[in-house]
């Protein structure tokens, strides 16, 4: 990943732009996740928890849509 400085750009704004690029690309999350070894069972548990949370969010969104329609 490379952030080239624009003409007359200050170092702090260049660094801020670079950090945003890294965050947008998911680099920071990936590095933090790979800092420690995670066993396959831990990965499965994490993905299952993520799926459950998403399912709850989806159910709540559907319920909210039904209320908005007057149902």
N, C-alpha and C. Protein backbone atom coordinates (compact mmCIF):
# COMPACT_ATOMS: atom_id res chain seq x y z
N UNK A 1 0.86 -1.16 0.00
CA UNK A 1 0.00 0.00 0.00
C UNK A 1 0.90 1.23 0.00
N UNK A 2 0.54 2.19 -0.82
CA UNK A 2 1.40 3.34 -0.99
C UNK A 2 0.57 4.61 -1.02
N UNK A 3 1.01 5.61 -0.26
CA UNK A 3 0.36 6.92 -0.27
C UNK A 3 1.40 7.94 -0.72
N UNK A 4 1.24 8.46 -1.91
CA UNK A 4 2.19 9.45 -2.40
C UNK A 4 1.73 10.83 -1.97
N UNK A 5 2.66 11.65 -1.53
CA UNK A 5 2.27 12.99 -1.06
C UNK A 5 1.83 13.89 -2.20
N UNK A 6 0.77 14.63 -1.95
CA UNK A 6 0.31 15.62 -2.92
C UNK A 6 1.20 16.86 -2.78
N UNK A 7 1.22 17.71 -3.79
CA UNK A 7 2.05 18.92 -3.67
C UNK A 7 1.61 19.77 -2.47
N UNK A 8 2.58 20.17 -1.69
CA UNK A 8 2.39 21.03 -0.52
C UNK A 8 1.52 20.37 0.57
N UNK A 9 1.49 19.04 0.59
CA UNK A 9 0.72 18.34 1.62
C UNK A 9 1.59 18.14 2.86
N UNK A 10 1.00 18.39 4.01
CA UNK A 10 1.73 18.22 5.25
C UNK A 10 1.82 16.75 5.60
N UNK A 11 2.82 16.41 6.39
CA UNK A 11 3.07 15.02 6.77
C UNK A 11 1.90 14.44 7.56
N UNK A 12 1.32 15.22 8.46
CA UNK A 12 0.22 14.69 9.29
C UNK A 12 -1.00 14.36 8.44
N UNK A 13 -1.29 15.14 7.41
CA UNK A 13 -2.43 14.82 6.55
C UNK A 13 -2.13 13.61 5.68
N UNK A 14 -0.87 13.47 5.25
CA UNK A 14 -0.47 12.29 4.48
C UNK A 14 -0.61 11.04 5.34
N UNK A 15 -0.18 11.12 6.59
CA UNK A 15 -0.27 9.98 7.50
C UNK A 15 -1.73 9.63 7.77
N UNK A 16 -2.58 10.64 7.93
CA UNK A 16 -4.00 10.41 8.17
C UNK A 16 -4.64 9.71 6.96
N UNK A 17 -4.27 10.15 5.76
CA UNK A 17 -4.78 9.52 4.54
C UNK A 17 -4.33 8.07 4.43
N UNK A 18 -3.05 7.82 4.79
CA UNK A 18 -2.52 6.46 4.75
C UNK A 18 -3.25 5.56 5.75
N UNK A 19 -3.49 6.06 6.95
CA UNK A 19 -4.20 5.28 7.97
C UNK A 19 -5.62 4.94 7.50
N UNK A 20 -6.29 5.89 6.87
CA UNK A 20 -7.64 5.64 6.36
C UNK A 20 -7.61 4.58 5.27
N UNK A 21 -6.59 4.64 4.41
CA UNK A 21 -6.47 3.64 3.35
C UNK A 21 -6.30 2.24 3.95
N UNK A 22 -5.45 2.14 4.97
CA UNK A 22 -5.21 0.85 5.62
C UNK A 22 -6.47 0.35 6.29
N UNK A 23 -7.19 1.24 6.96
CA UNK A 23 -8.42 0.86 7.65
C UNK A 23 -9.49 0.41 6.66
N UNK A 24 -9.59 1.13 5.56
CA UNK A 24 -10.58 0.80 4.53
C UNK A 24 -10.29 -0.56 3.89
N UNK A 25 -9.03 -0.85 3.75
CA UNK A 25 -8.61 -2.11 3.14
C UNK A 25 -8.74 -3.29 4.11
N UNK A 26 -8.95 -3.01 5.39
CA UNK A 26 -9.09 -4.07 6.38
C UNK A 26 -7.76 -4.58 6.89
N UNK A 27 -6.71 -3.85 6.63
CA UNK A 27 -5.37 -4.27 7.01
C UNK A 27 -5.20 -4.31 8.52
N UNK A 28 -5.70 -3.30 9.21
CA UNK A 28 -5.54 -3.21 10.66
C UNK A 28 -6.27 -4.38 11.33
N UNK A 29 -7.48 -4.65 10.89
CA UNK A 29 -8.25 -5.75 11.45
C UNK A 29 -7.55 -7.08 11.24
N UNK A 30 -7.01 -7.26 10.05
CA UNK A 30 -6.32 -8.50 9.72
C UNK A 30 -5.07 -8.69 10.58
N UNK A 31 -4.32 -7.63 10.78
CA UNK A 31 -3.11 -7.71 11.60
C UNK A 31 -3.47 -8.05 13.04
N UNK A 32 -4.48 -7.40 13.58
CA UNK A 32 -4.89 -7.68 14.96
C UNK A 32 -5.38 -9.11 15.11
N UNK A 33 -6.11 -9.61 14.10
CA UNK A 33 -6.65 -10.97 14.18
C UNK A 33 -5.51 -11.99 14.11
N UNK A 34 -4.45 -11.69 13.37
CA UNK A 34 -3.36 -12.63 13.20
C UNK A 34 -2.22 -12.46 14.20
N UNK A 35 -2.40 -11.60 15.19
CA UNK A 35 -1.36 -11.41 16.19
C UNK A 35 -1.14 -12.67 17.02
N UNK A 36 -2.22 -13.39 17.30
CA UNK A 36 -2.15 -14.61 18.10
C UNK A 36 -2.77 -15.75 17.31
N UNK A 37 -2.28 -16.94 17.60
CA UNK A 37 -2.81 -18.12 16.91
C UNK A 37 -4.25 -18.36 17.34
N UNK A 38 -5.10 -18.68 16.37
CA UNK A 38 -6.49 -18.99 16.65
C UNK A 38 -6.77 -20.39 16.10
N UNK A 39 -7.19 -21.28 16.99
CA UNK A 39 -7.43 -22.65 16.57
C UNK A 39 -8.66 -22.72 15.67
N UNK A 40 -8.78 -23.79 14.88
CA UNK A 40 -9.94 -23.93 14.00
C UNK A 40 -11.27 -23.87 14.74
N UNK A 41 -11.32 -24.45 15.94
CA UNK A 41 -12.58 -24.41 16.70
C UNK A 41 -12.91 -22.99 17.14
N UNK A 42 -11.89 -22.20 17.48
CA UNK A 42 -12.13 -20.80 17.84
C UNK A 42 -12.63 -20.01 16.64
N UNK A 43 -12.07 -20.30 15.46
CA UNK A 43 -12.53 -19.62 14.25
C UNK A 43 -13.99 -19.93 13.96
N UNK A 44 -14.35 -21.22 14.10
CA UNK A 44 -15.74 -21.63 13.88
C UNK A 44 -16.66 -20.93 14.86
N UNK A 45 -16.25 -20.90 16.13
CA UNK A 45 -17.07 -20.25 17.15
C UNK A 45 -17.26 -18.77 16.83
N UNK A 46 -16.18 -18.11 16.40
CA UNK A 46 -16.26 -16.69 16.07
C UNK A 46 -17.19 -16.45 14.88
N UNK A 47 -17.08 -17.29 13.85
CA UNK A 47 -17.96 -17.11 12.69
C UNK A 47 -19.41 -17.42 13.04
N UNK A 48 -19.64 -18.43 13.91
CA UNK A 48 -21.01 -18.74 14.32
C UNK A 48 -21.63 -17.59 15.11
N UNK A 49 -20.85 -17.00 15.99
CA UNK A 49 -21.35 -15.87 16.77
C UNK A 49 -21.67 -14.70 15.84
N UNK A 50 -20.81 -14.49 14.86
CA UNK A 50 -21.04 -13.42 13.89
C UNK A 50 -22.33 -13.66 13.10
N UNK A 51 -22.56 -14.91 12.69
CA UNK A 51 -23.79 -15.25 11.96
C UNK A 51 -25.02 -15.04 12.83
N UNK A 52 -24.94 -15.45 14.09
CA UNK A 52 -26.08 -15.28 14.99
C UNK A 52 -26.42 -13.81 15.18
N UNK A 53 -25.39 -12.99 15.38
CA UNK A 53 -25.63 -11.55 15.56
C UNK A 53 -26.29 -10.96 14.31
N UNK A 54 -25.80 -11.36 13.14
CA UNK A 54 -26.37 -10.85 11.89
C UNK A 54 -27.82 -11.29 11.74
N UNK A 55 -28.11 -12.54 12.13
CA UNK A 55 -29.49 -13.04 12.03
C UNK A 55 -30.42 -12.24 12.94
N UNK A 56 -29.95 -11.92 14.13
CA UNK A 56 -30.76 -11.12 15.06
C UNK A 56 -31.01 -9.74 14.47
N UNK A 57 -29.97 -9.13 13.91
CA UNK A 57 -30.12 -7.81 13.28
C UNK A 57 -31.13 -7.87 12.14
N UNK A 58 -31.04 -8.93 11.32
CA UNK A 58 -31.96 -9.07 10.20
C UNK A 58 -33.40 -9.22 10.68
N UNK A 59 -33.59 -10.04 11.73
CA UNK A 59 -34.94 -10.23 12.27
C UNK A 59 -35.50 -8.93 12.81
N UNK A 60 -34.67 -8.17 13.51
CA UNK A 60 -35.13 -6.89 14.05
C UNK A 60 -35.47 -5.90 12.92
N UNK A 61 -34.68 -5.93 11.87
CA UNK A 61 -34.94 -5.04 10.73
C UNK A 61 -36.25 -5.41 10.06
N UNK A 62 -36.50 -6.70 9.89
CA UNK A 62 -37.76 -7.14 9.28
C UNK A 62 -38.95 -6.75 10.15
N UNK A 63 -38.78 -6.91 11.44
CA UNK A 63 -39.85 -6.55 12.37
C UNK A 63 -40.14 -5.06 12.31
N UNK A 64 -39.07 -4.26 12.22
CA UNK A 64 -39.24 -2.81 12.13
C UNK A 64 -39.92 -2.42 10.82
N UNK A 65 -39.59 -3.11 9.74
CA UNK A 65 -40.23 -2.82 8.45
C UNK A 65 -41.72 -3.13 8.53
N UNK A 66 -42.08 -4.22 9.17
CA UNK A 66 -43.49 -4.60 9.31
C UNK A 66 -44.27 -3.55 10.09
N UNK A 67 -43.64 -2.97 11.09
CA UNK A 67 -44.30 -1.94 11.89
C UNK A 67 -44.48 -0.66 11.09
N UNK A 68 -43.53 -0.36 10.23
CA UNK A 68 -43.63 0.85 9.43
C UNK A 68 -44.75 0.74 8.40
N UNK A 69 -44.98 -0.46 7.91
CA UNK A 69 -46.03 -0.66 6.90
C UNK A 69 -47.42 -0.69 7.54
N UNK A 70 -47.44 -0.81 8.84
CA UNK A 70 -48.72 -0.85 9.52
C UNK A 70 -49.22 -2.26 9.73
N UNK A 71 -48.31 -3.24 9.69
CA UNK A 71 -48.68 -4.63 9.82
C UNK A 71 -48.42 -5.16 11.12
